[in-house]
Amino acid sequence: MSGEQPLLRLDALRFARRVVVQQAVRQLALIDRWIAEEERRQAERRRGEQARPAMPEWLIQYGLNRRNVDAVHTGDCWAAARSGRCRPATRQQALDALRRQVPACVHCRPDTALGLLE
């Protein structure tokens, strides 16, 4: 041996401990970063939900030419959501459309909800 002391078991254990601590610190930092990102995403999601406009109570469905009125729906009607041709309407606009003989949706029955049919 050229003057170097052999690696003692205690030195090896201390070295191994330093390596493990170093790796643990890196992993904890990574996990902390993941946690911060997820907290940011959740906060962003909550802000988006709070900023989302309220669902309209009534919808008027327009024809393919976007001028003809095809039907009146309640705001939560699944058929209206699938059509993609609906616009929000006030209660008065929905009543006026039904009085002008615009058909009421057979699924959500806005005429009954508006009190026109009992």
N, C-alpha and C. Protein backbone atom coordinates (compact mmCIF):
# COMPACT_ATOMS: atom_id res chain seq x y z
N MET A 1 0.84 -1.17 0.00
CA MET A 1 0.00 0.00 0.00
C MET A 1 0.88 1.23 0.00
N SER A 2 0.45 2.19 -0.69
CA SER A 2 1.28 3.38 -0.85
C SER A 2 0.90 4.46 0.14
N GLY A 3 0.86 4.16 1.38
CA GLY A 3 0.62 5.13 2.42
C GLY A 3 -0.83 5.47 2.66
N GLU A 4 -1.74 4.90 1.89
CA GLU A 4 -3.16 5.18 2.14
C GLU A 4 -3.69 4.22 3.17
N GLN A 5 -4.56 4.72 4.00
CA GLN A 5 -5.17 3.84 5.00
C GLN A 5 -6.35 3.11 4.36
N PRO A 6 -6.56 1.90 4.75
CA PRO A 6 -7.70 1.17 4.20
C PRO A 6 -9.01 1.82 4.66
N LEU A 7 -10.01 1.72 3.81
CA LEU A 7 -11.32 2.28 4.12
C LEU A 7 -11.90 1.52 5.29
N LEU A 8 -12.12 2.23 6.34
CA LEU A 8 -12.67 1.59 7.53
C LEU A 8 -14.18 1.40 7.36
N ARG A 9 -14.70 0.40 8.02
CA ARG A 9 -16.14 0.11 7.95
C ARG A 9 -16.95 1.33 8.39
N LEU A 10 -16.51 1.99 9.43
CA LEU A 10 -17.23 3.17 9.93
C LEU A 10 -17.24 4.28 8.89
N ASP A 11 -16.14 4.48 8.18
CA ASP A 11 -16.08 5.49 7.12
C ASP A 11 -17.04 5.13 5.99
N ALA A 12 -17.09 3.85 5.64
CA ALA A 12 -17.99 3.40 4.57
C ALA A 12 -19.45 3.63 4.97
N LEU A 13 -19.76 3.35 6.19
CA LEU A 13 -21.15 3.55 6.66
C LEU A 13 -21.51 5.03 6.66
N ARG A 14 -20.59 5.87 7.07
CA ARG A 14 -20.85 7.32 7.06
C ARG A 14 -21.03 7.83 5.63
N PHE A 15 -20.20 7.31 4.72
CA PHE A 15 -20.34 7.69 3.31
C PHE A 15 -21.70 7.25 2.77
N ALA A 16 -22.09 6.02 3.06
CA ALA A 16 -23.39 5.50 2.61
C ALA A 16 -24.52 6.36 3.18
N ARG A 17 -24.40 6.76 4.43
CA ARG A 17 -25.44 7.60 5.04
C ARG A 17 -25.55 8.94 4.31
N ARG A 18 -24.40 9.57 3.99
CA ARG A 18 -24.42 10.84 3.27
C ARG A 18 -25.09 10.70 1.90
N VAL A 19 -24.81 9.60 1.22
CA VAL A 19 -25.41 9.35 -0.09
C VAL A 19 -26.93 9.21 0.05
N VAL A 20 -27.35 8.44 1.01
CA VAL A 20 -28.79 8.22 1.22
C VAL A 20 -29.48 9.54 1.60
N VAL A 21 -28.87 10.33 2.46
CA VAL A 21 -29.45 11.61 2.84
C VAL A 21 -29.55 12.53 1.62
N GLN A 22 -28.51 12.55 0.82
CA GLN A 22 -28.50 13.38 -0.38
C GLN A 22 -29.62 12.96 -1.34
N GLN A 23 -29.78 11.66 -1.55
CA GLN A 23 -30.84 11.17 -2.43
C GLN A 23 -32.22 11.46 -1.84
N ALA A 24 -32.36 11.30 -0.55
CA ALA A 24 -33.65 11.56 0.10
C ALA A 24 -34.02 13.03 -0.02
N VAL A 25 -33.04 13.92 0.14
CA VAL A 25 -33.31 15.35 0.02
C VAL A 25 -33.77 15.68 -1.40
N ARG A 26 -33.13 15.09 -2.41
CA ARG A 26 -33.54 15.32 -3.80
C ARG A 26 -34.96 14.80 -4.04
N GLN A 27 -35.24 13.61 -3.55
CA GLN A 27 -36.57 13.04 -3.74
C GLN A 27 -37.64 13.85 -3.02
N LEU A 28 -37.34 14.31 -1.82
CA LEU A 28 -38.29 15.16 -1.10
C LEU A 28 -38.54 16.47 -1.83
N ALA A 29 -37.49 17.03 -2.40
CA ALA A 29 -37.64 18.26 -3.18
C ALA A 29 -38.53 18.01 -4.40
N LEU A 30 -38.34 16.87 -5.05
CA LEU A 30 -39.17 16.51 -6.20
C LEU A 30 -40.63 16.34 -5.78
N ILE A 31 -40.85 15.63 -4.71
CA ILE A 31 -42.22 15.43 -4.21
C ILE A 31 -42.84 16.76 -3.81
N ASP A 32 -42.07 17.63 -3.17
CA ASP A 32 -42.58 18.96 -2.80
C ASP A 32 -42.98 19.75 -4.04
N ARG A 33 -42.20 19.63 -5.12
CA ARG A 33 -42.52 20.29 -6.37
C ARG A 33 -43.83 19.74 -6.95
N TRP A 34 -44.00 18.42 -6.91
CA TRP A 34 -45.24 17.81 -7.39
C TRP A 34 -46.44 18.28 -6.59
N ILE A 35 -46.26 18.37 -5.28
CA ILE A 35 -47.34 18.84 -4.41
C ILE A 35 -47.71 20.28 -4.76
N ALA A 36 -46.72 21.13 -4.92
CA ALA A 36 -46.97 22.54 -5.26
C ALA A 36 -47.69 22.65 -6.60
N GLU A 37 -47.28 21.85 -7.58
CA GLU A 37 -47.94 21.88 -8.89
C GLU A 37 -49.39 21.43 -8.78
N GLU A 38 -49.64 20.39 -8.01
CA GLU A 38 -51.02 19.90 -7.85
C GLU A 38 -51.88 20.92 -7.10
N GLU A 39 -51.31 21.58 -6.09
CA GLU A 39 -52.05 22.63 -5.37
C GLU A 39 -52.39 23.78 -6.31
N ARG A 40 -51.43 24.13 -7.20
CA ARG A 40 -51.68 25.20 -8.17
C ARG A 40 -52.79 24.79 -9.12
N ARG A 41 -52.75 23.54 -9.60
CA ARG A 41 -53.80 23.06 -10.51
C ARG A 41 -55.17 23.10 -9.85
N GLN A 42 -55.25 22.64 -8.60
CA GLN A 42 -56.53 22.64 -7.89
C GLN A 42 -57.05 24.05 -7.68
N ALA A 43 -56.16 24.97 -7.33
CA ALA A 43 -56.58 26.36 -7.14
C ALA A 43 -57.07 26.94 -8.46
N GLU A 44 -56.39 26.62 -9.55
CA GLU A 44 -56.80 27.09 -10.87
C GLU A 44 -58.16 26.52 -11.25
N ARG A 45 -58.36 25.24 -10.95
CA ARG A 45 -59.65 24.59 -11.23
C ARG A 45 -60.77 25.26 -10.43
N ARG A 46 -60.51 25.55 -9.15
CA ARG A 46 -61.52 26.22 -8.31
C ARG A 46 -61.84 27.62 -8.84
N ARG A 47 -60.80 28.36 -9.25
CA ARG A 47 -61.04 29.69 -9.81
C ARG A 47 -61.87 29.59 -11.08
N GLY A 48 -61.58 28.60 -11.91
CA GLY A 48 -62.36 28.40 -13.12
C GLY A 48 -63.81 28.08 -12.85
N GLU A 49 -64.05 27.25 -11.84
CA GLU A 49 -65.43 26.90 -11.49
C GLU A 49 -66.18 28.13 -10.94
N GLN A 50 -65.49 28.94 -10.17
CA GLN A 50 -66.13 30.13 -9.61
C GLN A 50 -66.39 31.18 -10.68
N ALA A 51 -65.53 31.25 -11.69
CA ALA A 51 -65.68 32.26 -12.73
C ALA A 51 -66.66 31.82 -13.82
N ARG A 52 -67.01 30.53 -13.84
CA ARG A 52 -67.90 30.01 -14.87
C ARG A 52 -69.28 30.66 -14.71
N PRO A 53 -69.85 31.13 -15.81
CA PRO A 53 -71.18 31.74 -15.71
C PRO A 53 -72.21 30.69 -15.31
N ALA A 54 -73.25 31.14 -14.65
CA ALA A 54 -74.32 30.24 -14.22
C ALA A 54 -75.02 29.63 -15.43
N MET A 55 -75.49 28.41 -15.26
CA MET A 55 -76.20 27.74 -16.34
C MET A 55 -77.53 28.47 -16.57
N PRO A 56 -77.87 28.72 -17.82
CA PRO A 56 -79.13 29.42 -18.09
C PRO A 56 -80.32 28.54 -17.71
N GLU A 57 -81.41 29.18 -17.32
CA GLU A 57 -82.60 28.41 -16.96
C GLU A 57 -83.33 27.93 -18.20
N TRP A 58 -83.23 28.69 -19.28
CA TRP A 58 -83.98 28.36 -20.50
C TRP A 58 -83.07 28.48 -21.70
N LEU A 59 -83.33 27.65 -22.69
CA LEU A 59 -82.55 27.67 -23.93
C LEU A 59 -83.49 27.67 -25.12
N ILE A 60 -83.09 28.38 -26.15
CA ILE A 60 -83.84 28.36 -27.41
C ILE A 60 -82.93 27.74 -28.45
N GLN A 61 -83.45 26.69 -29.11
CA GLN A 61 -82.68 25.99 -30.13
C GLN A 61 -83.01 26.56 -31.49
N TYR A 62 -81.97 26.92 -32.22
CA TYR A 62 -82.13 27.51 -33.55
C TYR A 62 -81.87 26.45 -34.61
N GLY A 63 -82.43 26.69 -35.79
CA GLY A 63 -82.26 25.77 -36.91
C GLY A 63 -80.88 25.83 -37.50
N LEU A 64 -80.69 25.06 -38.54
CA LEU A 64 -79.37 25.01 -39.17
C LEU A 64 -78.96 26.35 -39.77
N ASN A 65 -79.94 27.16 -40.16
CA ASN A 65 -79.60 28.47 -40.73
C ASN A 65 -79.41 29.53 -39.65
N ARG A 66 -79.55 29.14 -38.38
CA ARG A 66 -79.33 30.01 -37.21
C ARG A 66 -80.36 31.13 -37.08
N ARG A 67 -81.43 31.12 -37.88
CA ARG A 67 -82.48 32.14 -37.76
C ARG A 67 -83.79 31.53 -37.28
N ASN A 68 -84.15 30.39 -37.80
CA ASN A 68 -85.40 29.74 -37.41
C ASN A 68 -85.28 29.17 -36.01
N VAL A 69 -86.33 29.34 -35.23
CA VAL A 69 -86.35 28.79 -33.88
C VAL A 69 -86.98 27.41 -33.96
N ASP A 70 -86.25 26.40 -33.49
CA ASP A 70 -86.71 25.01 -33.60
C ASP A 70 -87.40 24.50 -32.34
N ALA A 71 -86.91 24.89 -31.17
CA ALA A 71 -87.48 24.33 -29.94
C ALA A 71 -87.08 25.19 -28.75
N VAL A 72 -87.81 24.96 -27.66
CA VAL A 72 -87.50 25.60 -26.37
C VAL A 72 -87.12 24.47 -25.41
N HIS A 73 -86.06 24.71 -24.62
CA HIS A 73 -85.57 23.70 -23.67
C HIS A 73 -85.39 24.34 -22.29
N THR A 74 -85.34 23.50 -21.27
CA THR A 74 -84.88 23.95 -19.95
C THR A 74 -83.36 23.99 -20.01
N GLY A 75 -82.75 24.69 -19.08
CA GLY A 75 -81.30 24.87 -19.11
C GLY A 75 -80.49 23.60 -18.93
N ASP A 76 -81.07 22.59 -18.29
CA ASP A 76 -80.32 21.36 -18.03
C ASP A 76 -80.71 20.20 -18.95
N CYS A 77 -81.34 20.49 -20.06
CA CYS A 77 -81.81 19.44 -20.98
C CYS A 77 -80.64 18.78 -21.70
N TRP A 78 -80.59 17.47 -21.67
CA TRP A 78 -79.50 16.75 -22.33
C TRP A 78 -79.61 16.86 -23.86
N ALA A 79 -80.83 16.94 -24.36
CA ALA A 79 -81.01 17.04 -25.82
C ALA A 79 -80.49 18.38 -26.34
N ALA A 80 -80.68 19.42 -25.57
CA ALA A 80 -80.18 20.74 -25.97
C ALA A 80 -78.65 20.75 -25.99
N ALA A 81 -78.07 20.09 -25.00
CA ALA A 81 -76.61 20.05 -24.93
C ALA A 81 -76.02 19.31 -26.14
N ARG A 82 -76.73 18.32 -26.61
CA ARG A 82 -76.22 17.54 -27.74
C ARG A 82 -76.40 18.26 -29.07
N SER A 83 -77.40 19.14 -29.15
CA SER A 83 -77.69 19.77 -30.44
C SER A 83 -76.61 20.79 -30.83
N GLY A 84 -76.09 21.53 -29.84
CA GLY A 84 -75.06 22.53 -30.13
C GLY A 84 -75.61 23.77 -30.82
N ARG A 85 -76.92 23.89 -30.92
CA ARG A 85 -77.50 25.04 -31.63
C ARG A 85 -78.38 25.87 -30.70
N CYS A 86 -78.13 25.82 -29.42
CA CYS A 86 -78.96 26.52 -28.45
C CYS A 86 -78.27 27.76 -27.93
N ARG A 87 -79.10 28.75 -27.59
CA ARG A 87 -78.60 29.97 -26.97
C ARG A 87 -79.41 30.22 -25.70
N PRO A 88 -78.80 30.84 -24.71
CA PRO A 88 -79.52 31.13 -23.47
C PRO A 88 -80.69 32.08 -23.74
N ALA A 89 -81.74 31.91 -22.95
CA ALA A 89 -82.91 32.78 -23.09
C ALA A 89 -83.45 33.11 -21.70
N THR A 90 -84.13 34.23 -21.62
CA THR A 90 -84.79 34.59 -20.37
C THR A 90 -86.11 33.82 -20.28
N ARG A 91 -86.70 33.86 -19.11
CA ARG A 91 -88.00 33.20 -18.92
C ARG A 91 -89.03 33.81 -19.88
N GLN A 92 -89.00 35.11 -20.02
CA GLN A 92 -89.97 35.79 -20.90
C GLN A 92 -89.76 35.39 -22.36
N GLN A 93 -88.52 35.27 -22.79
CA GLN A 93 -88.25 34.86 -24.17
C GLN A 93 -88.74 33.43 -24.42
N ALA A 94 -88.55 32.56 -23.45
CA ALA A 94 -89.02 31.18 -23.58
C ALA A 94 -90.54 31.15 -23.65
N LEU A 95 -91.20 31.91 -22.79
CA LEU A 95 -92.67 31.98 -22.81
C LEU A 95 -93.17 32.52 -24.15
N ASP A 96 -92.55 33.58 -24.62
CA ASP A 96 -92.96 34.17 -25.90
C ASP A 96 -92.81 33.16 -27.04
N ALA A 97 -91.71 32.44 -27.05
CA ALA A 97 -91.49 31.45 -28.11
C ALA A 97 -92.55 30.36 -28.06
N LEU A 98 -92.87 29.88 -26.87
CA LEU A 98 -93.89 28.83 -26.76
C LEU A 98 -95.26 29.35 -27.17
N ARG A 99 -95.56 30.59 -26.85
CA ARG A 99 -96.84 31.19 -27.25
C ARG A 99 -96.91 31.40 -28.76
N ARG A 100 -95.76 31.53 -29.41
CA ARG A 100 -95.72 31.66 -30.87
C ARG A 100 -95.68 30.30 -31.55
N GLN A 101 -96.02 29.26 -30.80
CA GLN A 101 -96.12 27.89 -31.31
C GLN A 101 -94.78 27.24 -31.63
N VAL A 102 -93.71 27.73 -31.03
CA VAL A 102 -92.44 27.03 -31.15
C VAL A 102 -92.57 25.76 -30.31
N PRO A 103 -92.20 24.61 -30.85
CA PRO A 103 -92.39 23.37 -30.09
C PRO A 103 -91.53 23.31 -28.83
N ALA A 104 -92.12 22.74 -27.80
CA ALA A 104 -91.38 22.49 -26.56
C ALA A 104 -90.65 21.16 -26.70
N CYS A 105 -89.48 21.06 -26.12
CA CYS A 105 -88.71 19.81 -26.15
C CYS A 105 -89.53 18.72 -25.47
N VAL A 106 -89.59 17.56 -26.09
CA VAL A 106 -90.37 16.46 -25.52
C VAL A 106 -89.63 15.78 -24.38
N HIS A 107 -88.35 16.07 -24.21
CA HIS A 107 -87.57 15.44 -23.15
C HIS A 107 -87.62 16.23 -21.84
N CYS A 108 -87.48 17.54 -21.93
CA CYS A 108 -87.40 18.35 -20.70
C CYS A 108 -88.70 19.08 -20.38
N ARG A 109 -89.61 19.16 -21.33
CA ARG A 109 -90.94 19.77 -21.15
C ARG A 109 -90.89 21.16 -20.52
N PRO A 110 -90.31 22.14 -21.21
CA PRO A 110 -90.25 23.49 -20.65
C PRO A 110 -91.63 24.13 -20.53
N ASP A 111 -92.58 23.70 -21.34
CA ASP A 111 -93.93 24.25 -21.22
C ASP A 111 -94.55 23.91 -19.87
N THR A 112 -94.30 22.71 -19.37
CA THR A 112 -94.79 22.32 -18.05
C THR A 112 -94.02 23.09 -16.97
N ALA A 113 -92.72 23.21 -17.13
CA ALA A 113 -91.90 23.92 -16.14
C ALA A 113 -92.28 25.40 -16.07
N LEU A 114 -92.72 25.97 -17.19
CA LEU A 114 -93.12 27.38 -17.22
C LEU A 114 -94.58 27.56 -16.79
N GLY A 115 -95.27 26.48 -16.57
CA GLY A 115 -96.65 26.58 -16.09
C GLY A 115 -97.68 26.74 -17.20
N LEU A 116 -97.31 26.48 -18.45
CA LEU A 116 -98.27 26.61 -19.55
C LEU A 116 -99.15 25.38 -19.66
N LEU A 117 -98.65 24.23 -19.29
CA LEU A 117 -99.43 23.00 -19.30
C LEU A 117 -99.46 22.44 -17.90
N GLU A 118 -100.57 21.98 -17.49
CA GLU A 118 -100.68 21.38 -16.16
C GLU A 118 -101.08 19.93 -16.28
